[in-house]
Amino acid sequence: MNHESKYLAKRKKWSEKHTQNYYHNYNKTQRVRNETKLEQDKFYRNKQWKKGLRPAVLERDNYLCQYCMSHGRMTSGKIVDHIIPYEFDSSKRDDVNNLATICARCHTAKTLWEQEYYGTGSGNELKEVAAVPDIKYLPDFMDSAKTQ
């Protein structure tokens, strides 16, 4: 039994070290790959976002995905999304009217659509397009992006 506890302790230590390395490398290559992303990362780590905006939006939306609700579905969500992406218009980063609760499934679909429409994301260039601020239109756009 003593050997097993030593083994588990050693394995836990190894796992923690390698998890930290993974996130360190991820943060350097993906999350903070340029000045815009560095600024964005700092915003999501600050007190205003963690203790103020994010919890306020989740409470306001009753932890329900607003994208699903615009199509008559009730789905729980715990992600707070910028309707107009932070990367596209950083001036709306702390505007509660530009924030909505979203489920993981919708968040994935919306991210793919944003990359195509706005040009956000790794390796893309931002496009000069009109912002889509009304949440009721976004699920249709997200669905069309999935089928292309």
N, C-alpha and C. Protein backbone atom coordinates (compact mmCIF):
# COMPACT_ATOMS: atom_id res chain seq x y z
N MET A 1 0.83 -1.18 0.00
CA MET A 1 0.00 0.00 0.00
C MET A 1 0.87 1.25 0.00
N ASN A 2 2.00 1.20 0.69
CA ASN A 2 2.91 2.33 0.75
C ASN A 2 3.46 2.65 -0.64
N HIS A 3 3.74 1.61 -1.42
CA HIS A 3 4.24 1.82 -2.77
C HIS A 3 3.19 2.52 -3.63
N GLU A 4 1.96 2.12 -3.44
CA GLU A 4 0.87 2.72 -4.22
C GLU A 4 0.72 4.21 -3.90
N SER A 5 0.77 4.58 -2.63
CA SER A 5 0.62 6.00 -2.27
C SER A 5 1.80 6.82 -2.80
N LYS A 6 3.01 6.23 -2.76
CA LYS A 6 4.17 6.93 -3.32
C LYS A 6 4.00 7.13 -4.83
N TYR A 7 3.54 6.06 -5.48
CA TYR A 7 3.32 6.13 -6.92
C TYR A 7 2.28 7.21 -7.26
N LEU A 8 1.17 7.22 -6.53
CA LEU A 8 0.12 8.21 -6.79
C LEU A 8 0.61 9.64 -6.54
N ALA A 9 1.39 9.84 -5.50
CA ALA A 9 1.94 11.16 -5.21
C ALA A 9 2.89 11.61 -6.32
N LYS A 10 3.74 10.69 -6.77
CA LYS A 10 4.68 11.00 -7.85
C LYS A 10 3.92 11.30 -9.15
N ARG A 11 2.89 10.55 -9.42
CA ARG A 11 2.08 10.75 -10.63
C ARG A 11 1.36 12.10 -10.58
N LYS A 12 0.84 12.44 -9.41
CA LYS A 12 0.15 13.73 -9.25
C LYS A 12 1.12 14.89 -9.50
N LYS A 13 2.32 14.78 -8.94
CA LYS A 13 3.33 15.83 -9.12
C LYS A 13 3.68 15.96 -10.60
N TRP A 14 3.88 14.84 -11.28
CA TRP A 14 4.19 14.85 -12.71
C TRP A 14 3.06 15.51 -13.50
N SER A 15 1.83 15.14 -13.19
CA SER A 15 0.67 15.66 -13.90
C SER A 15 0.54 17.17 -13.72
N GLU A 16 0.74 17.65 -12.49
CA GLU A 16 0.65 19.09 -12.24
C GLU A 16 1.71 19.86 -13.02
N LYS A 17 2.92 19.33 -13.04
CA LYS A 17 4.01 19.99 -13.76
C LYS A 17 3.71 20.06 -15.25
N HIS A 18 3.26 18.95 -15.82
CA HIS A 18 3.00 18.93 -17.25
C HIS A 18 1.76 19.72 -17.63
N THR A 19 0.78 19.79 -16.76
CA THR A 19 -0.40 20.62 -17.02
C THR A 19 0.00 22.10 -17.04
N GLN A 20 0.85 22.49 -16.08
CA GLN A 20 1.33 23.87 -16.05
C GLN A 20 2.11 24.20 -17.32
N ASN A 21 2.96 23.28 -17.77
CA ASN A 21 3.72 23.50 -19.00
C ASN A 21 2.80 23.63 -20.20
N TYR A 22 1.78 22.78 -20.25
CA TYR A 22 0.83 22.85 -21.36
C TYR A 22 0.17 24.23 -21.42
N TYR A 23 -0.36 24.70 -20.29
CA TYR A 23 -1.04 25.99 -20.29
C TYR A 23 -0.08 27.14 -20.53
N HIS A 24 1.12 27.04 -20.03
CA HIS A 24 2.12 28.08 -20.29
C HIS A 24 2.37 28.18 -21.79
N ASN A 25 2.60 27.04 -22.44
CA ASN A 25 2.84 27.04 -23.89
C ASN A 25 1.62 27.50 -24.65
N TYR A 26 0.44 27.05 -24.24
CA TYR A 26 -0.80 27.47 -24.90
C TYR A 26 -0.97 28.98 -24.80
N ASN A 27 -0.76 29.52 -23.60
CA ASN A 27 -0.92 30.97 -23.40
C ASN A 27 0.05 31.76 -24.26
N LYS A 28 1.27 31.30 -24.41
CA LYS A 28 2.27 32.02 -25.19
C LYS A 28 2.01 31.93 -26.68
N THR A 29 1.51 30.82 -27.16
CA THR A 29 1.35 30.65 -28.61
C THR A 29 -0.06 30.96 -29.10
N GLN A 30 -1.07 30.81 -28.27
CA GLN A 30 -2.44 31.02 -28.72
C GLN A 30 -3.10 32.22 -28.07
N ARG A 31 -3.17 32.20 -26.77
CA ARG A 31 -3.94 33.21 -26.05
C ARG A 31 -3.33 34.60 -26.16
N VAL A 32 -2.03 34.74 -26.04
CA VAL A 32 -1.41 36.06 -26.05
C VAL A 32 -0.42 36.18 -27.21
N ARG A 33 -0.83 35.77 -28.39
CA ARG A 33 0.06 35.72 -29.54
C ARG A 33 0.37 37.09 -30.14
N ASN A 34 -0.42 38.12 -29.79
CA ASN A 34 -0.14 39.47 -30.27
C ASN A 34 -0.66 40.48 -29.24
N GLU A 35 -0.47 41.77 -29.51
CA GLU A 35 -0.85 42.80 -28.55
C GLU A 35 -2.36 42.80 -28.26
N THR A 36 -3.17 42.59 -29.28
CA THR A 36 -4.62 42.57 -29.09
C THR A 36 -5.01 41.42 -28.17
N LYS A 37 -4.44 40.26 -28.41
CA LYS A 37 -4.75 39.09 -27.59
C LYS A 37 -4.22 39.25 -26.17
N LEU A 38 -3.07 39.90 -26.02
CA LEU A 38 -2.51 40.15 -24.70
C LEU A 38 -3.45 41.05 -23.90
N GLU A 39 -3.94 42.11 -24.55
CA GLU A 39 -4.89 43.03 -23.90
C GLU A 39 -6.18 42.29 -23.54
N GLN A 40 -6.65 41.45 -24.43
CA GLN A 40 -7.87 40.68 -24.20
C GLN A 40 -7.68 39.72 -23.03
N ASP A 41 -6.56 39.04 -22.97
CA ASP A 41 -6.28 38.11 -21.88
C ASP A 41 -6.26 38.84 -20.54
N LYS A 42 -5.64 40.01 -20.50
CA LYS A 42 -5.60 40.79 -19.26
C LYS A 42 -7.01 41.18 -18.82
N PHE A 43 -7.85 41.54 -19.78
CA PHE A 43 -9.23 41.92 -19.44
C PHE A 43 -9.97 40.76 -18.79
N TYR A 44 -9.86 39.57 -19.35
CA TYR A 44 -10.58 38.41 -18.82
C TYR A 44 -10.04 37.95 -17.47
N ARG A 45 -8.87 38.39 -17.10
CA ARG A 45 -8.28 38.03 -15.81
C ARG A 45 -8.50 39.11 -14.75
N ASN A 46 -9.07 40.26 -15.14
CA ASN A 46 -9.18 41.34 -14.15
C ASN A 46 -10.44 41.21 -13.30
N LYS A 47 -10.44 41.96 -12.21
CA LYS A 47 -11.51 41.90 -11.22
C LYS A 47 -12.85 42.36 -11.80
N GLN A 48 -12.81 43.38 -12.67
CA GLN A 48 -14.05 43.90 -13.27
C GLN A 48 -14.79 42.78 -14.00
N TRP A 49 -14.05 41.95 -14.75
CA TRP A 49 -14.67 40.86 -15.49
C TRP A 49 -15.09 39.72 -14.55
N LYS A 50 -14.17 39.26 -13.71
CA LYS A 50 -14.42 38.09 -12.87
C LYS A 50 -15.46 38.32 -11.78
N LYS A 51 -15.41 39.47 -11.15
CA LYS A 51 -16.29 39.73 -10.01
C LYS A 51 -17.49 40.62 -10.36
N GLY A 52 -17.44 41.28 -11.51
CA GLY A 52 -18.49 42.23 -11.85
C GLY A 52 -19.32 41.83 -13.06
N LEU A 53 -18.75 41.99 -14.23
CA LEU A 53 -19.50 41.80 -15.47
C LEU A 53 -19.99 40.36 -15.67
N ARG A 54 -19.08 39.42 -15.60
CA ARG A 54 -19.45 38.02 -15.88
C ARG A 54 -20.56 37.51 -14.97
N PRO A 55 -20.42 37.63 -13.64
CA PRO A 55 -21.51 37.14 -12.77
C PRO A 55 -22.81 37.92 -12.96
N ALA A 56 -22.71 39.21 -13.24
CA ALA A 56 -23.93 40.02 -13.44
C ALA A 56 -24.70 39.56 -14.68
N VAL A 57 -23.98 39.23 -15.74
CA VAL A 57 -24.64 38.77 -16.97
C VAL A 57 -25.25 37.39 -16.77
N LEU A 58 -24.54 36.49 -16.10
CA LEU A 58 -25.08 35.16 -15.82
C LEU A 58 -26.36 35.26 -15.01
N GLU A 59 -26.36 36.10 -13.99
CA GLU A 59 -27.56 36.30 -13.16
C GLU A 59 -28.69 36.91 -13.98
N ARG A 60 -28.36 37.96 -14.75
CA ARG A 60 -29.38 38.62 -15.57
C ARG A 60 -30.06 37.63 -16.52
N ASP A 61 -29.26 36.74 -17.10
CA ASP A 61 -29.78 35.79 -18.09
C ASP A 61 -30.24 34.48 -17.45
N ASN A 62 -30.23 34.41 -16.12
CA ASN A 62 -30.65 33.21 -15.39
C ASN A 62 -29.90 31.96 -15.84
N TYR A 63 -28.64 32.13 -16.20
CA TYR A 63 -27.79 31.01 -16.63
C TYR A 63 -28.40 30.25 -17.81
N LEU A 64 -29.13 30.94 -18.66
CA LEU A 64 -29.74 30.33 -19.85
C LEU A 64 -29.10 30.90 -21.11
N CYS A 65 -28.81 30.02 -22.06
CA CYS A 65 -28.20 30.43 -23.33
C CYS A 65 -29.18 31.32 -24.09
N GLN A 66 -28.76 32.54 -24.32
CA GLN A 66 -29.62 33.51 -24.99
C GLN A 66 -29.75 33.21 -26.49
N TYR A 67 -28.78 32.53 -27.06
CA TYR A 67 -28.83 32.16 -28.47
C TYR A 67 -29.86 31.05 -28.68
N CYS A 68 -29.86 30.07 -27.80
CA CYS A 68 -30.88 29.01 -27.87
C CYS A 68 -32.27 29.59 -27.61
N MET A 69 -32.37 30.48 -26.62
CA MET A 69 -33.67 31.07 -26.27
C MET A 69 -34.25 31.87 -27.43
N SER A 70 -33.39 32.46 -28.26
CA SER A 70 -33.91 33.22 -29.40
C SER A 70 -34.56 32.30 -30.43
N HIS A 71 -34.33 30.99 -30.29
CA HIS A 71 -34.97 29.99 -31.15
C HIS A 71 -35.93 29.10 -30.36
N GLY A 72 -36.33 29.56 -29.18
CA GLY A 72 -37.34 28.85 -28.40
C GLY A 72 -36.85 27.63 -27.64
N ARG A 73 -35.54 27.49 -27.49
CA ARG A 73 -34.99 26.36 -26.74
C ARG A 73 -34.45 26.87 -25.41
N MET A 74 -34.63 26.08 -24.36
CA MET A 74 -34.10 26.44 -23.04
C MET A 74 -32.89 25.54 -22.78
N THR A 75 -31.71 26.16 -22.78
CA THR A 75 -30.47 25.43 -22.54
C THR A 75 -29.67 26.21 -21.51
N SER A 76 -29.11 25.50 -20.55
CA SER A 76 -28.29 26.19 -19.56
C SER A 76 -26.96 26.58 -20.18
N GLY A 77 -26.40 27.65 -19.65
CA GLY A 77 -25.11 28.11 -20.13
C GLY A 77 -24.33 28.73 -18.99
N LYS A 78 -23.01 28.63 -19.09
CA LYS A 78 -22.19 29.27 -18.06
C LYS A 78 -21.02 30.04 -18.67
N ILE A 79 -21.07 30.25 -19.97
CA ILE A 79 -20.08 31.07 -20.66
C ILE A 79 -20.71 32.43 -20.93
N VAL A 80 -19.95 33.49 -20.73
CA VAL A 80 -20.44 34.83 -21.08
C VAL A 80 -19.72 35.24 -22.36
N ASP A 81 -20.50 35.58 -23.37
CA ASP A 81 -20.01 35.84 -24.71
C ASP A 81 -20.17 37.31 -25.08
N HIS A 82 -19.20 37.84 -25.82
CA HIS A 82 -19.36 39.16 -26.42
C HIS A 82 -20.13 38.98 -27.73
N ILE A 83 -21.28 39.60 -27.83
CA ILE A 83 -22.11 39.48 -29.03
C ILE A 83 -21.33 39.98 -30.24
N ILE A 84 -20.81 41.20 -30.15
CA ILE A 84 -19.85 41.69 -31.13
C ILE A 84 -18.48 41.35 -30.53
N PRO A 85 -17.69 40.54 -31.21
CA PRO A 85 -16.46 40.03 -30.60
C PRO A 85 -15.51 41.11 -30.09
N TYR A 86 -14.92 40.84 -28.97
CA TYR A 86 -13.92 41.73 -28.35
C TYR A 86 -12.85 42.09 -29.38
N GLU A 87 -12.37 41.10 -30.09
CA GLU A 87 -11.30 41.29 -31.06
C GLU A 87 -11.71 42.24 -32.19
N PHE A 88 -12.99 42.24 -32.54
CA PHE A 88 -13.50 43.09 -33.62
C PHE A 88 -13.74 44.52 -33.15
N ASP A 89 -14.30 44.68 -31.94
CA ASP A 89 -14.59 46.01 -31.40
C ASP A 89 -14.34 46.01 -29.90
N SER A 90 -13.12 46.36 -29.51
CA SER A 90 -12.75 46.31 -28.10
C SER A 90 -13.44 47.38 -27.27
N SER A 91 -14.03 48.40 -27.91
CA SER A 91 -14.72 49.45 -27.15
C SER A 91 -15.99 48.92 -26.48
N LYS A 92 -16.48 47.77 -26.94
CA LYS A 92 -17.70 47.18 -26.36
C LYS A 92 -17.39 46.08 -25.36
N ARG A 93 -16.12 45.99 -24.95
CA ARG A 93 -15.71 44.89 -24.08
C ARG A 93 -16.42 44.86 -22.74
N ASP A 94 -16.74 46.03 -22.18
CA ASP A 94 -17.39 46.06 -20.87
C ASP A 94 -18.80 46.63 -20.93
N ASP A 95 -19.41 46.55 -22.11
CA ASP A 95 -20.80 46.98 -22.30
C ASP A 95 -21.71 45.77 -22.03
N VAL A 96 -22.49 45.84 -20.95
CA VAL A 96 -23.34 44.69 -20.60
C VAL A 96 -24.37 44.38 -21.68
N ASN A 97 -24.70 45.36 -22.50
CA ASN A 97 -25.63 45.12 -23.60
C ASN A 97 -24.99 44.34 -24.74
N ASN A 98 -23.67 44.21 -24.70
CA ASN A 98 -22.95 43.43 -25.69
C ASN A 98 -22.52 42.06 -25.13
N LEU A 99 -23.04 41.71 -23.97
CA LEU A 99 -22.70 40.44 -23.34
C LEU A 99 -23.94 39.57 -23.19
N ALA A 100 -23.76 38.28 -23.38
CA ALA A 100 -24.88 37.34 -23.24
C ALA A 100 -24.36 35.99 -22.78
N THR A 101 -25.20 35.28 -22.04
CA THR A 101 -24.88 33.92 -21.63
C THR A 101 -25.04 33.01 -22.84
N ILE A 102 -24.12 32.05 -22.97
CA ILE A 102 -24.14 31.16 -24.12
C ILE A 102 -23.73 29.75 -23.66
N CYS A 103 -24.31 28.74 -24.28
CA CYS A 103 -23.93 27.35 -23.98
C CYS A 103 -22.69 26.98 -24.80
N ALA A 104 -22.04 25.91 -24.44
CA ALA A 104 -20.80 25.51 -25.11
C ALA A 104 -21.04 25.21 -26.59
N ARG A 105 -22.15 24.58 -26.90
CA ARG A 105 -22.44 24.22 -28.30
C ARG A 105 -22.60 25.47 -29.17
N CYS A 106 -23.38 26.44 -28.68
CA CYS A 106 -23.56 27.68 -29.42
C CYS A 106 -22.26 28.48 -29.49
N HIS A 107 -21.47 28.42 -28.41
CA HIS A 107 -20.21 29.17 -28.39
C HIS A 107 -19.26 28.65 -29.48
N THR A 108 -19.20 27.35 -29.64
CA THR A 108 -18.36 26.77 -30.68
C THR A 108 -18.85 27.21 -32.06
N ALA A 109 -20.16 27.12 -32.30
CA ALA A 109 -20.72 27.52 -33.59
C ALA A 109 -20.50 29.01 -33.84
N LYS A 110 -20.69 29.83 -32.82
CA LYS A 110 -20.52 31.28 -32.98
C LYS A 110 -19.06 31.62 -33.26
N THR A 111 -18.15 30.94 -32.60
CA THR A 111 -16.72 31.20 -32.84
C THR A 111 -16.37 30.90 -34.29
N LEU A 112 -16.86 29.79 -34.82
CA LEU A 112 -16.61 29.45 -36.23
C LEU A 112 -17.19 30.51 -37.16
N TRP A 113 -18.40 30.95 -36.87
CA TRP A 113 -19.03 31.99 -37.68
C TRP A 113 -18.24 33.29 -37.60
N GLU A 114 -17.81 33.68 -36.41
CA GLU A 114 -17.05 34.92 -36.23
C GLU A 114 -15.74 34.88 -37.02
N GLN A 115 -15.10 33.73 -37.04
CA GLN A 115 -13.86 33.61 -37.80
C GLN A 115 -14.11 33.84 -39.28
N GLU A 116 -15.22 33.32 -39.77
CA GLU A 116 -15.56 33.48 -41.18
C GLU A 116 -16.05 34.89 -41.49
N TYR A 117 -16.94 35.41 -40.68
CA TYR A 117 -17.58 36.70 -40.95
C TYR A 117 -16.68 37.90 -40.59
N TYR A 118 -16.20 37.93 -39.35
CA TYR A 118 -15.41 39.06 -38.86
C TYR A 118 -13.92 38.91 -39.17
N GLY A 119 -13.46 37.69 -39.36
CA GLY A 119 -12.04 37.45 -39.56
C GLY A 119 -11.27 37.36 -38.25
N THR A 120 -11.96 37.00 -37.17
CA THR A 120 -11.30 36.86 -35.87
C THR A 120 -10.58 35.52 -35.81
N GLY A 121 -9.76 35.37 -34.82
CA GLY A 121 -9.10 34.08 -34.59
C GLY A 121 -7.71 34.02 -35.15
N SER A 122 -7.02 32.95 -34.78
CA SER A 122 -5.63 32.75 -35.15
C SER A 122 -5.45 32.68 -36.66
N GLY A 123 -4.51 33.45 -37.18
CA GLY A 123 -4.19 33.41 -38.60
C GLY A 123 -5.13 34.19 -39.49
N ASN A 124 -6.16 34.78 -38.95
CA ASN A 124 -7.10 35.54 -39.76
C ASN A 124 -6.81 37.03 -39.66
N GLU A 125 -7.32 37.78 -40.63
CA GLU A 125 -7.25 39.23 -40.59
C GLU A 125 -8.67 39.76 -40.44
N LEU A 126 -8.82 40.76 -39.57
CA LEU A 126 -10.14 41.34 -39.36
C LEU A 126 -10.66 41.93 -40.66
N LYS A 127 -11.94 41.74 -40.91
CA LYS A 127 -12.57 42.24 -42.12
C LYS A 127 -13.35 43.52 -41.81
N GLU A 128 -13.53 44.32 -42.81
CA GLU A 128 -14.35 45.52 -42.66
C GLU A 128 -15.78 45.17 -43.03
N VAL A 129 -16.52 44.71 -42.04
CA VAL A 129 -17.91 44.30 -42.23
C VAL A 129 -18.75 45.00 -41.18
N ALA A 130 -20.05 44.99 -41.39
CA ALA A 130 -20.97 45.58 -40.41
C ALA A 130 -21.09 44.66 -39.21
N ALA A 131 -21.09 45.25 -38.04
CA ALA A 131 -21.27 44.47 -36.81
C ALA A 131 -22.72 43.97 -36.75
N VAL A 132 -22.90 42.79 -36.17
CA VAL A 132 -24.24 42.22 -36.01
C VAL A 132 -24.54 42.24 -34.51
N PRO A 133 -25.20 43.32 -34.02
CA PRO A 133 -25.42 43.45 -32.58
C PRO A 133 -26.68 42.79 -32.04
N ASP A 134 -27.56 42.33 -32.92
CA ASP A 134 -28.83 41.78 -32.47
C ASP A 134 -28.75 40.26 -32.40
N ILE A 135 -28.86 39.76 -31.20
CA ILE A 135 -28.69 38.33 -30.92
C ILE A 135 -29.70 37.45 -31.67
N LYS A 136 -30.86 37.99 -32.00
CA LYS A 136 -31.88 37.14 -32.63
C LYS A 136 -31.48 36.68 -34.04
N TYR A 137 -30.55 37.39 -34.70
CA TYR A 137 -30.12 36.99 -36.04
C TYR A 137 -28.95 36.02 -36.01
N LEU A 138 -28.21 36.02 -34.94
CA LEU A 138 -26.97 35.25 -34.90
C LEU A 138 -27.15 33.73 -35.02
N PRO A 139 -28.14 33.11 -34.37
CA PRO A 139 -28.26 31.65 -34.54
C PRO A 139 -28.47 31.23 -35.99
N ASP A 140 -29.19 32.02 -36.77
CA ASP A 140 -29.36 31.69 -38.19
C ASP A 140 -28.02 31.77 -38.93
N PHE A 141 -27.24 32.81 -38.64
CA PHE A 141 -25.92 32.94 -39.25
C PHE A 141 -25.01 31.79 -38.82
N MET A 142 -25.09 31.44 -37.54
CA MET A 142 -24.25 30.35 -37.02
C MET A 142 -24.62 29.04 -37.69
N ASP A 143 -25.92 28.79 -37.90
CA ASP A 143 -26.35 27.57 -38.57
C ASP A 143 -25.86 27.53 -40.01
N SER A 144 -25.91 28.67 -40.69
CA SER A 144 -25.47 28.70 -42.08
C SER A 144 -23.96 28.47 -42.18
N ALA A 145 -23.20 28.93 -41.19
CA ALA A 145 -21.75 28.71 -41.20
C ALA A 145 -21.43 27.22 -41.03
N LYS A 146 -22.27 26.49 -40.27
CA LYS A 146 -22.04 25.06 -40.05
C LYS A 146 -22.23 24.27 -41.32
N THR A 147 -23.16 24.71 -42.20
CA THR A 147 -23.49 23.93 -43.39
C THR A 147 -22.56 24.23 -44.58
N GLN A 148 -21.74 25.26 -44.46
CA GLN A 148 -20.85 25.58 -45.59
C GLN A 148 -19.59 24.78 -45.56
